[in-house]
Amino acid sequence: MKKYLFSVSLCLCGLSVSAQTPKVAPMHVHHVHLNSVDPAKAAAYYPKPFALTATQTKFNGYEAVKTGNVYLLFTKVAAPPQNELTGPQTSVWHFGWNTPDSRKYDENFRKMGLQIAQMWDAADGKLVDMSSDTLPGLPTQEQILEMRAKGVQPAREGGFGYLRGPDGIMIENAQAGTVERFNHIHMYHEHPICAMQWYITHLGATLPAGRGGAPGTLPPGDCKQLYAPPTWPSFAKTGFVRDPAGAVFFDDISISIRPWPGGGLVSTRGHVVDHWALSVADLDSTVTRLKGEGVKFLEEIHPWGNMRAAMIEGPDRVAIELVEVK
């Protein structure tokens, strides 16, 4: 049975932590690994919507896209990989770019004939491209009805939207900052705060800055928090449970988290996003430490092209590869 908390979004700032996180050698987001029926064609897609930052290339024997310091890598599969439309949900929801004018980007996507993944603007509403086409503030249905009665209108500036890319992958276009950049991997976790604790403790992730730029902190107490009511926009007409939410960072790349009430997320392996990867400077010592901490290993240290790698399993069965980069 789902538990709902009628409250505002969780704030991660200004709260105390019960213990100091042990020092972990820095890790960096290295790549997102996708399965594709046509890797070369899939890689050729990304420079179209994100021409300023996505370059088709090859890396370590894979068809690839380079964007900033992160790669998208593609493995050829015989049949279309499952995504959230065709199979059970995994803990990886999507990944995405920040763009300086998300609505202009959306207009360009349509001119290029790219497929938009539209969202419902209300339980009794219509499909729209962008969050700024909906009433402001990520409202509940009750709040939507109240705003309609008051004549509130959508902002129609900025906001976020999504592409449906190769092999059914979902890609976000979200306005922030003044430059285009790949900036996040968006996860589902049954208990977001618990997942954040795991990423911080075992992988050395950091929290977003709190008020005044000071380091953020996690709330004390039980990490299994109550779920908020559904809000819009949403891919489901019944709304989307957005809170409790969270995020951790590796450098400037966010591992963003929304809740998945009820659990049941399946392994990412074999799905359209097979896993994502972090680079480490010393794979042997990292593996030894993680084994000592009881982290589950899916693959032991092995050759990976001209490099070495291992694979662990994180919260809600997310596969995370560890790649050694000297």
Protein backbone atom coordinates (compact mmCIF):
# COMPACT_ATOMS: atom_id res chain seq x y z
CA MET A 1 0.00 0.00 0.00
CA LYS A 2 1.41 3.38 -0.99
CA LYS A 3 2.06 5.91 1.77
CA TYR A 4 1.53 9.58 0.97
CA LEU A 5 2.78 12.66 2.73
CA PHE A 6 1.00 15.90 1.91
CA SER A 7 3.91 18.30 2.04
CA VAL A 8 6.27 20.41 0.02
CA SER A 9 9.39 19.01 -1.64
CA LEU A 10 12.16 17.71 0.59
CA CYS A 11 14.87 20.25 1.34
CA LEU A 12 18.39 18.85 1.69
CA CYS A 13 19.90 21.99 3.11
CA GLY A 14 20.51 23.15 6.64
CA LEU A 15 19.92 19.73 8.22
CA SER A 16 22.34 17.79 10.37
CA VAL A 17 24.00 14.47 9.64
CA SER A 18 24.53 11.85 12.29
CA ALA A 19 28.03 10.80 11.24
CA GLN A 20 30.93 11.99 9.16
CA THR A 21 31.17 10.18 5.82
CA PRO A 22 34.45 8.25 5.45
CA LYS A 23 36.88 9.63 2.88
CA VAL A 24 36.59 7.83 -0.46
CA ALA A 25 39.03 8.30 -3.34
CA PRO A 26 37.38 10.52 -5.98
CA MET A 27 35.27 8.84 -8.65
CA HIS A 28 34.05 10.48 -11.84
CA VAL A 29 31.15 9.70 -14.18
CA HIS A 30 32.80 7.95 -17.12
CA HIS A 31 30.00 6.69 -19.36
CA VAL A 32 26.41 5.57 -19.79
CA HIS A 33 26.26 2.21 -21.56
CA LEU A 34 23.30 1.55 -23.82
CA ASN A 35 22.10 -1.50 -25.74
CA SER A 36 21.08 -0.84 -29.34
CA VAL A 37 20.02 -2.76 -32.44
CA ASP A 38 22.11 -0.33 -34.51
CA PRO A 39 24.91 1.28 -32.45
CA ALA A 40 26.29 3.46 -35.26
CA LYS A 41 22.85 4.85 -36.07
CA ALA A 42 22.12 5.41 -32.39
CA ALA A 43 25.40 7.28 -31.88
CA ALA A 44 24.68 9.44 -34.94
CA TYR A 45 21.44 10.65 -33.33
CA TYR A 46 22.84 12.69 -30.43
CA PRO A 47 24.72 15.38 -32.41
CA LYS A 48 21.37 16.35 -33.96
CA PRO A 49 19.58 17.65 -30.84
CA PHE A 50 22.76 18.58 -28.97
CA ALA A 51 25.06 19.79 -31.73
CA LEU A 52 27.21 21.99 -29.47
CA THR A 53 28.30 19.24 -27.09
CA ALA A 54 27.71 15.77 -28.56
CA THR A 55 30.25 14.26 -30.97
CA GLN A 56 30.02 10.81 -32.54
CA THR A 57 33.23 8.86 -32.07
CA LYS A 58 34.58 5.47 -31.01
CA PHE A 59 35.93 4.53 -27.60
CA ASN A 60 37.60 1.33 -26.45
CA GLY A 61 36.09 -0.60 -29.35
CA TYR A 62 32.55 0.76 -28.98
CA GLU A 63 30.47 3.11 -31.06
CA ALA A 64 30.33 6.18 -28.87
CA VAL A 65 29.24 9.75 -28.28
CA LYS A 66 31.50 12.09 -26.35
CA THR A 67 29.84 14.92 -24.44
CA GLY A 68 32.04 16.91 -22.08
CA ASN A 69 34.00 14.36 -20.05
CA VAL A 70 31.31 11.67 -20.37
CA TYR A 71 30.78 9.03 -23.03
CA LEU A 72 27.67 7.27 -24.24
CA LEU A 73 28.72 3.77 -25.33
CA PHE A 74 26.64 1.36 -27.41
CA THR A 75 26.59 -2.43 -27.52
CA LYS A 76 24.86 -4.17 -30.43
CA VAL A 77 21.96 -6.47 -29.50
CA ALA A 78 19.86 -8.65 -31.80
CA ALA A 79 16.43 -7.55 -30.56
CA PRO A 80 15.17 -4.15 -29.38
CA PRO A 81 16.17 -3.71 -25.74
CA GLN A 82 13.40 -3.20 -23.21
CA ASN A 83 12.63 0.29 -21.99
CA GLU A 84 9.96 1.61 -19.63
CA LEU A 85 7.36 1.42 -22.42
CA THR A 86 8.04 -2.20 -23.36
CA GLY A 87 9.20 -3.91 -20.19
CA PRO A 88 9.40 -3.69 -16.42
CA GLN A 89 10.93 -0.53 -14.97
CA THR A 90 14.58 -0.39 -13.97
CA SER A 91 16.15 2.15 -11.62
CA VAL A 92 17.45 4.22 -14.56
CA TRP A 93 14.76 6.61 -15.79
CA HIS A 94 16.61 8.80 -18.30
CA PHE A 95 19.65 11.05 -18.75
CA GLY A 96 19.81 14.57 -20.06
CA TRP A 97 21.27 17.90 -20.98
CA ASN A 98 20.90 21.38 -19.54
CA THR A 99 20.17 23.87 -22.31
CA PRO A 100 20.12 27.69 -22.25
CA ASP A 101 16.69 27.95 -23.95
CA SER A 102 14.79 24.69 -23.62
CA ARG A 103 11.70 25.85 -25.51
CA LYS A 104 13.82 26.96 -28.48
CA TYR A 105 15.51 23.57 -28.39
CA ASP A 106 12.09 21.90 -28.41
CA GLU A 107 11.09 23.96 -31.44
CA ASN A 108 14.26 22.86 -33.21
CA PHE A 109 13.64 19.22 -32.28
CA ARG A 110 10.26 19.42 -33.99
CA LYS A 111 11.76 21.09 -37.08
CA MET A 112 14.26 18.21 -37.28
CA GLY A 113 11.45 15.67 -37.05
CA LEU A 114 12.67 14.23 -33.74
CA GLN A 115 10.14 12.41 -31.58
CA ILE A 116 8.98 14.27 -28.48
CA ALA A 117 7.94 12.31 -25.39
CA GLN A 118 4.93 14.37 -24.33
CA MET A 119 3.48 14.74 -20.84
CA TRP A 120 -0.05 15.18 -19.47
CA ASP A 121 -0.65 18.63 -18.00
CA ALA A 122 -3.39 17.37 -15.62
CA ALA A 123 -5.49 14.30 -14.85
CA ASP A 124 -8.26 15.81 -17.00
CA GLY A 125 -5.94 17.67 -19.36
CA LYS A 126 -3.97 17.39 -22.56
CA LEU A 127 -0.54 16.31 -23.79
CA VAL A 128 2.18 18.99 -23.94
CA ASP A 129 5.85 19.17 -24.92
CA MET A 130 7.22 21.25 -22.05
CA SER A 131 6.68 21.63 -18.31
CA SER A 132 6.21 25.36 -18.90
CA ASP A 133 3.09 24.50 -20.93
CA THR A 134 1.51 23.35 -17.65
CA LEU A 135 0.40 25.33 -14.61
CA PRO A 136 3.40 26.38 -12.50
CA GLY A 137 4.89 24.72 -9.46
CA LEU A 138 4.42 21.00 -10.23
CA PRO A 139 0.91 21.09 -8.73
CA THR A 140 -1.42 18.35 -7.51
CA GLN A 141 -4.76 17.94 -9.28
CA GLU A 142 -6.47 19.79 -6.44
CA GLN A 143 -4.03 22.70 -6.83
CA ILE A 144 -4.56 22.65 -10.61
CA LEU A 145 -8.31 23.09 -10.13
CA GLU A 146 -7.72 25.95 -7.67
CA MET A 147 -5.33 27.72 -10.07
CA ARG A 148 -7.72 27.31 -12.99
CA ALA A 149 -10.45 28.94 -10.90
CA LYS A 150 -8.13 31.89 -10.25
CA GLY A 151 -7.19 32.23 -13.93
CA VAL A 152 -3.53 31.24 -13.48
CA GLN A 153 -1.80 30.57 -16.82
CA PRO A 154 1.29 28.54 -17.80
CA ALA A 155 4.54 30.50 -17.89
CA ARG A 156 5.48 29.23 -21.39
CA GLU A 157 9.11 30.09 -20.68
CA GLY A 158 11.90 27.63 -19.97
CA GLY A 159 11.06 24.37 -18.27
CA PHE A 160 11.87 20.77 -19.12
CA GLY A 161 10.82 18.34 -21.84
CA TYR A 162 11.89 15.01 -23.26
CA LEU A 163 12.93 13.31 -26.46
CA ARG A 164 12.24 9.69 -27.32
CA GLY A 165 15.54 8.68 -28.89
CA PRO A 166 17.03 5.55 -30.46
CA ASP A 167 15.81 2.22 -29.06
CA GLY A 168 13.16 4.08 -27.05
CA ILE A 169 15.60 5.87 -24.76
CA MET A 170 14.30 8.96 -22.95
CA ILE A 171 16.47 12.09 -23.06
CA GLU A 172 15.77 15.26 -21.09
CA ASN A 173 16.09 18.86 -22.30
CA ALA A 174 16.00 21.10 -19.21
CA GLN A 175 16.70 24.83 -19.13
CA ALA A 176 19.50 25.88 -16.78
CA GLY A 177 22.55 28.08 -17.10
CA THR A 178 23.88 29.69 -20.25
CA VAL A 179 25.53 26.76 -22.02
CA GLU A 180 24.45 23.39 -23.36
CA ARG A 181 25.91 20.49 -21.35
CA PHE A 182 25.25 16.89 -20.41
CA ASN A 183 24.47 17.20 -16.72
CA HIS A 184 22.57 14.28 -15.21
CA ILE A 185 21.51 10.67 -14.98
CA HIS A 186 18.02 10.47 -13.52
CA MET A 187 17.22 7.51 -11.29
CA TYR A 188 14.22 5.92 -9.64
CA HIS A 189 14.82 4.61 -6.12
CA GLU A 190 12.20 3.23 -3.77
CA HIS A 191 13.73 5.26 -0.95
CA PRO A 192 15.71 8.21 -2.39
CA ILE A 193 17.35 9.29 0.88
CA CYS A 194 18.56 5.73 1.54
CA ALA A 195 20.00 5.61 -1.97
CA MET A 196 21.76 8.94 -1.44
CA GLN A 197 23.34 7.58 1.73
CA TRP A 198 24.57 4.55 -0.22
CA TYR A 199 26.13 6.64 -3.01
CA ILE A 200 27.85 8.90 -0.49
CA THR A 201 29.12 6.12 1.78
CA HIS A 202 30.38 3.67 -0.85
CA LEU A 203 31.15 5.80 -3.89
CA GLY A 204 32.12 9.14 -2.37
CA ALA A 205 29.33 11.13 -4.02
CA THR A 206 28.73 14.65 -2.73
CA LEU A 207 25.55 16.53 -1.94
CA PRO A 208 24.38 19.64 -3.79
CA ALA A 209 25.31 22.86 -2.05
CA GLY A 210 22.85 24.18 0.51
CA ARG A 211 21.97 27.76 1.28
CA GLY A 212 24.81 30.20 0.71
CA GLY A 213 26.82 27.59 -1.17
CA ALA A 214 27.68 25.62 1.99
CA PRO A 215 27.90 21.83 1.67
CA GLY A 216 24.50 20.19 1.74
CA THR A 217 23.54 17.66 4.40
CA LEU A 218 21.17 14.74 4.70
CA PRO A 219 18.22 14.78 7.06
CA PRO A 220 18.63 12.78 10.27
CA GLY A 221 16.52 9.78 11.20
CA ASP A 222 14.91 7.09 9.07
CA CYS A 223 15.83 7.37 5.39
CA LYS A 224 12.57 5.66 4.43
CA GLN A 225 10.30 8.67 4.13
CA LEU A 226 6.63 8.97 3.24
CA TYR A 227 5.61 9.62 -0.36
CA ALA A 228 3.99 12.86 -1.44
CA PRO A 229 0.80 12.91 -3.54
CA PRO A 230 1.03 12.76 -7.36
CA THR A 231 1.71 15.96 -9.29
CA TRP A 232 1.82 17.14 -12.91
CA PRO A 233 3.17 17.26 -15.58
CA SER A 234 3.33 13.51 -15.80
CA PHE A 235 3.79 10.77 -18.39
CA ALA A 236 0.91 8.96 -16.69
CA LYS A 237 -2.49 10.62 -16.65
CA THR A 238 -2.76 9.62 -13.00
CA GLY A 239 0.18 11.88 -12.06
CA PHE A 240 3.73 11.39 -10.88
CA VAL A 241 4.98 10.98 -7.31
CA ARG A 242 7.94 13.36 -7.12
CA ASP A 243 8.82 13.41 -3.43
CA PRO A 244 10.82 12.58 -1.44
CA ALA A 245 13.41 13.41 -4.07
CA GLY A 246 17.16 13.86 -3.95
CA ALA A 247 20.44 14.13 -5.80
CA VAL A 248 24.12 13.43 -5.35
CA PHE A 249 27.01 14.62 -7.48
CA PHE A 250 30.17 13.28 -9.03
CA ASP A 251 31.99 16.47 -10.04
CA ASP A 252 29.30 18.50 -11.83
CA ILE A 253 27.22 15.50 -12.98
CA SER A 254 24.08 14.90 -10.95
CA ILE A 255 22.70 11.50 -10.08
CA SER A 256 19.17 12.81 -9.67
CA ILE A 257 16.56 10.71 -7.88
CA ARG A 258 12.79 10.45 -7.85
CA PRO A 259 10.89 7.91 -5.74
CA TRP A 260 9.50 4.63 -7.05
CA PRO A 261 6.77 3.73 -4.54
CA GLY A 262 6.32 0.06 -3.89
CA GLY A 263 9.68 -1.23 -5.10
CA GLY A 264 9.96 -4.03 -7.66
CA LEU A 265 12.53 -2.34 -9.91
CA VAL A 266 14.35 -4.91 -12.06
CA SER A 267 18.04 -5.13 -12.94
CA THR A 268 19.27 -2.65 -15.52
CA ARG A 269 21.31 -5.34 -17.30
CA GLY A 270 20.02 -6.03 -20.81
CA HIS A 271 17.70 -3.02 -20.85
CA VAL A 272 18.18 0.06 -23.04
CA VAL A 273 20.42 1.61 -20.35
CA ASP A 274 22.44 -1.41 -19.31
CA HIS A 275 24.51 0.42 -16.69
CA TRP A 276 26.41 3.60 -15.98
CA ALA A 277 30.06 3.83 -15.05
CA LEU A 278 32.44 5.64 -12.76
CA SER A 279 36.18 5.95 -13.29
CA VAL A 280 38.61 5.23 -10.47
CA ALA A 281 42.38 5.72 -10.30
CA ASP A 282 43.10 2.44 -8.46
CA LEU A 283 40.66 -0.35 -9.26
CA ASP A 284 42.28 -2.96 -7.00
CA SER A 285 42.07 -0.88 -3.82
CA THR A 286 38.55 0.30 -4.70
CA VAL A 287 37.33 -3.28 -5.17
CA THR A 288 38.98 -4.38 -1.92
CA ARG A 289 37.31 -1.54 -0.02
CA LEU A 290 33.87 -2.13 -1.53
CA LYS A 291 34.02 -5.86 -0.81
CA GLY A 292 34.91 -5.04 2.78
CA GLU A 293 31.82 -2.82 2.91
CA GLY A 294 29.60 -5.65 1.70
CA VAL A 295 28.82 -4.18 -1.73
CA LYS A 296 27.49 -6.77 -4.20
CA PHE A 297 29.70 -7.52 -7.22
CA LEU A 298 28.18 -8.54 -10.54
CA GLU A 299 31.55 -8.87 -12.29
CA GLU A 300 35.03 -9.21 -10.82
CA ILE A 301 38.01 -7.26 -12.20
CA HIS A 302 38.47 -8.16 -15.86
CA PRO A 303 40.03 -6.74 -19.04
CA TRP A 304 37.80 -4.20 -20.74
CA GLY A 305 39.25 -3.41 -24.16
CA ASN A 306 42.62 -1.89 -23.39
CA MET A 307 41.49 -1.03 -19.83
CA ARG A 308 40.27 -2.87 -16.73
CA ALA A 309 36.82 -2.81 -15.14
CA ALA A 310 34.54 -4.43 -12.57
CA MET A 311 30.77 -4.22 -12.01
CA ILE A 312 28.83 -3.65 -8.80
CA GLU A 313 25.13 -3.51 -8.01
CA GLY A 314 23.74 -0.45 -6.27
CA PRO A 315 20.34 0.33 -4.75
CA ASP A 316 17.30 -1.04 -6.58
CA ARG A 317 19.48 -3.25 -8.78
CA VAL A 318 21.30 -0.53 -10.72
CA ALA A 319 24.45 -1.91 -12.36
CA ILE A 320 27.43 0.44 -11.96
CA GLU A 321 30.68 -0.26 -13.74
CA LEU A 322 34.00 0.77 -12.24
CA VAL A 323 36.56 1.62 -14.92
CA GLU A 324 40.23 2.13 -14.13
CA VAL A 325 41.64 5.34 -15.55
CA LYS A 326 45.22 5.96 -14.50
